[in-house]
Amino acid sequence: MNPKRDVVTLSMLALGGPFLATSRIETALIGILLIAVGVYGTVDSLAGLVGRYVRL
């Protein structure tokens, strides 16, 4: 796990919300991209954490 990366991931998730709350399509697309990157980072971090403790 990388603490700096996790902070960036959570920041992207937090910043994506206000962008989604606008009526402009361009701004909403930015919000969607921020959320997508945040979700990807979260899933990747959780998979790495689980992978360290569960050996298949």
PDB file of N, CA and C in Angstrom:
ATOM      1  N   MET A   1       0.845  -1.186   0.000  1.00  0.00           N
ATOM      2  CA  MET A   1       0.000   0.000   0.000  1.00  0.00           C
ATOM      3  C   MET A   1       0.884   1.239   0.000  1.00  0.00           C
ATOM      4  N   ASN A   2       0.421   2.225  -0.711  1.00  0.00           N
ATOM      5  CA  ASN A   2       1.140   3.481  -0.812  1.00  0.00           C
ATOM      6  C   ASN A   2       0.258   4.586  -0.217  1.00  0.00           C
ATOM      7  N   PRO A   3       0.599   5.118   0.953  1.00  0.00           N
ATOM      8  CA  PRO A   3      -0.260   6.118   1.599  1.00  0.00           C
ATOM      9  C   PRO A   3      -0.503   7.359   0.739  1.00  0.00           C
ATOM     10  N   LYS A   4       0.508   7.808   0.006  1.00  0.00           N
ATOM     11  CA  LYS A   4       0.313   8.990  -0.841  1.00  0.00           C
ATOM     12  C   LYS A   4      -0.698   8.709  -1.943  1.00  0.00           C
ATOM     13  N   ARG A   5      -0.610   7.530  -2.524  1.00  0.00           N
ATOM     14  CA  ARG A   5      -1.554   7.169  -3.578  1.00  0.00           C
ATOM     15  C   ARG A   5      -2.967   7.056  -3.019  1.00  0.00           C
ATOM     16  N   ASP A   6      -3.093   6.506  -1.827  1.00  0.00           N
ATOM     17  CA  ASP A   6      -4.411   6.377  -1.217  1.00  0.00           C
ATOM     18  C   ASP A   6      -5.029   7.742  -0.939  1.00  0.00           C
ATOM     19  N   VAL A   7      -4.224   8.702  -0.527  1.00  0.00           N
ATOM     20  CA  VAL A   7      -4.734  10.055  -0.287  1.00  0.00           C
ATOM     21  C   VAL A   7      -5.206  10.678  -1.593  1.00  0.00           C
ATOM     22  N   VAL A   8      -4.447  10.483  -2.652  1.00  0.00           N
ATOM     23  CA  VAL A   8      -4.844  11.019  -3.959  1.00  0.00           C
ATOM     24  C   VAL A   8      -6.136  10.358  -4.432  1.00  0.00           C
ATOM     25  N   THR A   9      -6.245   9.052  -4.225  1.00  0.00           N
ATOM     26  CA  THR A   9      -7.452   8.328  -4.626  1.00  0.00           C
ATOM     27  C   THR A   9      -8.677   8.854  -3.890  1.00  0.00           C
ATOM     28  N   LEU A  10      -8.568   9.016  -2.585  1.00  0.00           N
ATOM     29  CA  LEU A  10      -9.700   9.538  -1.809  1.00  0.00           C
ATOM     30  C   LEU A  10     -10.013  10.979  -2.184  1.00  0.00           C
ATOM     31  N   SER A  11      -8.994  11.753  -2.495  1.00  0.00           N
ATOM     32  CA  SER A  11      -9.213  13.136  -2.919  1.00  0.00           C
ATOM     33  C   SER A  11      -9.979  13.181  -4.232  1.00  0.00           C
ATOM     34  N   MET A  12      -9.652  12.299  -5.150  1.00  0.00           N
ATOM     35  CA  MET A  12     -10.369  12.269  -6.430  1.00  0.00           C
ATOM     36  C   MET A  12     -11.831  11.910  -6.225  1.00  0.00           C
ATOM     37  N   LEU A  13     -12.087  10.964  -5.333  1.00  0.00           N
ATOM     38  CA  LEU A  13     -13.477  10.612  -5.048  1.00  0.00           C
ATOM     39  C   LEU A  13     -14.226  11.790  -4.434  1.00  0.00           C
ATOM     40  N   ALA A  14     -13.569  12.506  -3.533  1.00  0.00           N
ATOM     41  CA  ALA A  14     -14.210  13.650  -2.878  1.00  0.00           C
ATOM     42  C   ALA A  14     -14.419  14.805  -3.850  1.00  0.00           C
ATOM     43  N   LEU A  15     -13.465  15.031  -4.728  1.00  0.00           N
ATOM     44  CA  LEU A  15     -13.573  16.144  -5.670  1.00  0.00           C
ATOM     45  C   LEU A  15     -14.554  15.865  -6.801  1.00  0.00           C
ATOM     46  N   GLY A  16     -14.804  14.610  -7.089  1.00  0.00           N
ATOM     47  CA  GLY A  16     -15.702  14.274  -8.189  1.00  0.00           C
ATOM     48  C   GLY A  16     -17.145  14.660  -7.927  1.00  0.00           C
ATOM     49  N   GLY A  17     -17.571  14.620  -6.676  1.00  0.00           N
ATOM     50  CA  GLY A  17     -18.962  14.920  -6.336  1.00  0.00           C
ATOM     51  C   GLY A  17     -19.452  16.284  -6.781  1.00  0.00           C
ATOM     52  N   PRO A  18     -18.759  17.362  -6.429  1.00  0.00           N
ATOM     53  CA  PRO A  18     -19.221  18.686  -6.861  1.00  0.00           C
ATOM     54  C   PRO A  18     -19.258  18.851  -8.379  1.00  0.00           C
ATOM     55  N   PHE A  19     -18.357  18.191  -9.083  1.00  0.00           N
ATOM     56  CA  PHE A  19     -18.379  18.273 -10.543  1.00  0.00           C
ATOM     57  C   PHE A  19     -19.615  17.592 -11.109  1.00  0.00           C
ATOM     58  N   LEU A  20     -20.067  16.529 -10.455  1.00  0.00           N
ATOM     59  CA  LEU A  20     -21.259  15.825 -10.924  1.00  0.00           C
ATOM     60  C   LEU A  20     -22.542  16.597 -10.635  1.00  0.00           C
ATOM     61  N   ALA A  21     -22.484  17.513  -9.690  1.00  0.00           N
ATOM     62  CA  ALA A  21     -23.683  18.243  -9.277  1.00  0.00           C
ATOM     63  C   ALA A  21     -24.013  19.421 -10.189  1.00  0.00           C
ATOM     64  N   THR A  22     -23.257  19.613 -11.249  1.00  0.00           N
ATOM     65  CA  THR A  22     -23.509  20.740 -12.146  1.00  0.00           C
ATOM     66  C   THR A  22     -24.374  20.307 -13.312  1.00  0.00           C
ATOM     67  N   SER A  23     -24.937  21.276 -14.003  1.00  0.00           N
ATOM     68  CA  SER A  23     -25.786  20.969 -15.153  1.00  0.00           C
ATOM     69  C   SER A  23     -25.009  20.968 -16.469  1.00  0.00           C
ATOM     70  N   ARG A  24     -23.782  21.470 -16.455  1.00  0.00           N
ATOM     71  CA  ARG A  24     -22.984  21.488 -17.689  1.00  0.00           C
ATOM     72  C   ARG A  24     -22.409  20.109 -17.954  1.00  0.00           C
ATOM     73  N   ILE A  25     -22.564  19.640 -19.178  1.00  0.00           N
ATOM     74  CA  ILE A  25     -22.111  18.298 -19.527  1.00  0.00           C
ATOM     75  C   ILE A  25     -20.591  18.178 -19.437  1.00  0.00           C
ATOM     76  N   GLU A  26     -19.871  19.232 -19.802  1.00  0.00           N
ATOM     77  CA  GLU A  26     -18.405  19.174 -19.757  1.00  0.00           C
ATOM     78  C   GLU A  26     -17.912  18.999 -18.323  1.00  0.00           C
ATOM     79  N   THR A  27     -18.522  19.721 -17.422  1.00  0.00           N
ATOM     80  CA  THR A  27     -18.120  19.640 -16.018  1.00  0.00           C
ATOM     81  C   THR A  27     -18.511  18.285 -15.425  1.00  0.00           C
ATOM     82  N   ALA A  28     -19.673  17.785 -15.805  1.00  0.00           N
ATOM     83  CA  ALA A  28     -20.103  16.476 -15.322  1.00  0.00           C
ATOM     84  C   ALA A  28     -19.171  15.375 -15.826  1.00  0.00           C
ATOM     85  N   LEU A  29     -18.680  15.501 -17.046  1.00  0.00           N
ATOM     86  CA  LEU A  29     -17.739  14.510 -17.574  1.00  0.00           C
ATOM     87  C   LEU A  29     -16.430  14.509 -16.787  1.00  0.00           C
ATOM     88  N   ILE A  30     -15.984  15.685 -16.378  1.00  0.00           N
ATOM     89  CA  ILE A  30     -14.789  15.762 -15.533  1.00  0.00           C
ATOM     90  C   ILE A  30     -15.047  15.027 -14.221  1.00  0.00           C
ATOM     91  N   GLY A  31     -16.226  15.233 -13.648  1.00  0.00           N
ATOM     92  CA  GLY A  31     -16.587  14.538 -12.413  1.00  0.00           C
ATOM     93  C   GLY A  31     -16.616  13.032 -12.590  1.00  0.00           C
ATOM     94  N   ILE A  32     -17.147  12.583 -13.719  1.00  0.00           N
ATOM     95  CA  ILE A  32     -17.195  11.145 -13.997  1.00  0.00           C
ATOM     96  C   ILE A  32     -15.785  10.573 -14.098  1.00  0.00           C
ATOM     97  N   LEU A  33     -14.897  11.300 -14.757  1.00  0.00           N
ATOM     98  CA  LEU A  33     -13.508  10.836 -14.866  1.00  0.00           C
ATOM     99  C   LEU A  33     -12.827  10.779 -13.503  1.00  0.00           C
ATOM    100  N   LEU A  34     -13.057  11.798 -12.670  1.00  0.00           N
ATOM    101  CA  LEU A  34     -12.464  11.797 -11.329  1.00  0.00           C
ATOM    102  C   LEU A  34     -12.973  10.619 -10.503  1.00  0.00           C
ATOM    103  N   ILE A  35     -14.267  10.364 -10.573  1.00  0.00           N
ATOM    104  CA  ILE A  35     -14.850   9.242  -9.840  1.00  0.00           C
ATOM    105  C   ILE A  35     -14.297   7.917 -10.365  1.00  0.00           C
ATOM    106  N   ALA A  36     -14.189   7.788 -11.685  1.00  0.00           N
ATOM    107  CA  ALA A  36     -13.686   6.542 -12.273  1.00  0.00           C
ATOM    108  C   ALA A  36     -12.254   6.256 -11.827  1.00  0.00           C
ATOM    109  N   VAL A  37     -11.409   7.268 -11.841  1.00  0.00           N
ATOM    110  CA  VAL A  37     -10.020   7.079 -11.407  1.00  0.00           C
ATOM    111  C   VAL A  37      -9.977   6.767  -9.914  1.00  0.00           C
ATOM    112  N   GLY A  38     -10.821   7.435  -9.141  1.00  0.00           N
ATOM    113  CA  GLY A  38     -10.874   7.169  -7.704  1.00  0.00           C
ATOM    114  C   GLY A  38     -11.330   5.756  -7.389  1.00  0.00           C
ATOM    115  N   VAL A  39     -12.340   5.286  -8.102  1.00  0.00           N
ATOM    116  CA  VAL A  39     -12.833   3.918  -7.887  1.00  0.00           C
ATOM    117  C   VAL A  39     -11.771   2.908  -8.308  1.00  0.00           C
ATOM    118  N   TYR A  40     -11.117   3.164  -9.438  1.00  0.00           N
ATOM    119  CA  TYR A  40     -10.049   2.261  -9.884  1.00  0.00           C
ATOM    120  C   TYR A  40      -8.935   2.182  -8.839  1.00  0.00           C
ATOM    121  N   GLY A  41      -8.525   3.312  -8.314  1.00  0.00           N
ATOM    122  CA  GLY A  41      -7.471   3.328  -7.302  1.00  0.00           C
ATOM    123  C   GLY A  41      -7.881   2.614  -6.034  1.00  0.00           C
ATOM    124  N   THR A  42      -9.137   2.784  -5.635  1.00  0.00           N
ATOM    125  CA  THR A  42      -9.637   2.116  -4.433  1.00  0.00           C
ATOM    126  C   THR A  42      -9.651   0.603  -4.615  1.00  0.00           C
ATOM    127  N   VAL A  43     -10.172   0.152  -5.745  1.00  0.00           N
ATOM    128  CA  VAL A  43     -10.233  -1.290  -6.011  1.00  0.00           C
ATOM    129  C   VAL A  43      -8.826  -1.871  -6.102  1.00  0.00           C
ATOM    130  N   ASP A  44      -7.921  -1.152  -6.746  1.00  0.00           N
ATOM    131  CA  ASP A  44      -6.543  -1.628  -6.872  1.00  0.00           C
ATOM    132  C   ASP A  44      -5.865  -1.730  -5.504  1.00  0.00           C
ATOM    133  N   SER A  45      -6.077  -0.741  -4.649  1.00  0.00           N
ATOM    134  CA  SER A  45      -5.488  -0.772  -3.308  1.00  0.00           C
ATOM    135  C   SER A  45      -6.065  -1.914  -2.474  1.00  0.00           C
ATOM    136  N   LEU A  46      -7.378  -2.097  -2.553  1.00  0.00           N
ATOM    137  CA  LEU A  46      -8.003  -3.188  -1.802  1.00  0.00           C
ATOM    138  C   LEU A  46      -7.545  -4.549  -2.316  1.00  0.00           C
ATOM    139  N   ALA A  47      -7.393  -4.682  -3.619  1.00  0.00           N
ATOM    140  CA  ALA A  47      -6.919  -5.946  -4.185  1.00  0.00           C
ATOM    141  C   ALA A  47      -5.491  -6.234  -3.726  1.00  0.00           C
ATOM    142  N   GLY A  48      -4.667  -5.205  -3.659  1.00  0.00           N
ATOM    143  CA  GLY A  48      -3.303  -5.392  -3.168  1.00  0.00           C
ATOM    144  C   GLY A  48      -3.272  -5.794  -1.713  1.00  0.00           C
ATOM    145  N   LEU A  49      -4.149  -5.189  -0.927  1.00  0.00           N
ATOM    146  CA  LEU A  49      -4.224  -5.515   0.495  1.00  0.00           C
ATOM    147  C   LEU A  49      -4.693  -6.952   0.703  1.00  0.00           C
ATOM    148  N   VAL A  50      -5.733  -7.332  -0.014  1.00  0.00           N
ATOM    149  CA  VAL A  50      -6.250  -8.697   0.100  1.00  0.00           C
ATOM    150  C   VAL A  50      -5.212  -9.690  -0.415  1.00  0.00           C
ATOM    151  N   GLY A  51      -4.522  -9.328  -1.478  1.00  0.00           N
ATOM    152  CA  GLY A  51      -3.512 -10.216  -2.045  1.00  0.00           C
ATOM    153  C   GLY A  51      -2.362 -10.501  -1.103  1.00  0.00           C
ATOM    154  N   ARG A  52      -2.066  -9.560  -0.221  1.00  0.00           N
ATOM    155  CA  ARG A  52      -0.988  -9.783   0.746  1.00  0.00           C
ATOM    156  C   ARG A  52      -1.382 -10.781   1.821  1.00  0.00           C
ATOM    157  N   TYR A  53      -2.661 -10.836   2.150  1.00  0.00           N
ATOM    158  CA  TYR A  53      -3.112 -11.697   3.240  1.00  0.00           C
ATOM    159  C   TYR A  53      -3.717 -13.016   2.766  1.00  0.00           C
ATOM    160  N   VAL A  54      -4.168 -13.055   1.537  1.00  0.00           N
ATOM    161  CA  VAL A  54      -4.777 -14.271   1.008  1.00  0.00           C
ATOM    162  C   VAL A  54      -3.887 -14.784  -0.118  1.00  0.00           C
ATOM    163  N   ARG A  55      -3.289 -15.911   0.112  1.00  0.00           N
ATOM    164  CA  ARG A  55      -2.440 -16.522  -0.916  1.00  0.00           C
ATOM    165  C   ARG A  55      -3.235 -17.632  -1.587  1.00  0.00           C
ATOM    166  N   LEU A  56      -3.484 -17.466  -2.869  1.00  0.00           N
ATOM    167  CA  LEU A  56      -4.251 -18.494  -3.592  1.00  0.00           C
ATOM    168  C   LEU A  56      -3.322 -19.445  -4.303  1.00  0.00           C
TER     169      LEU A  56
END
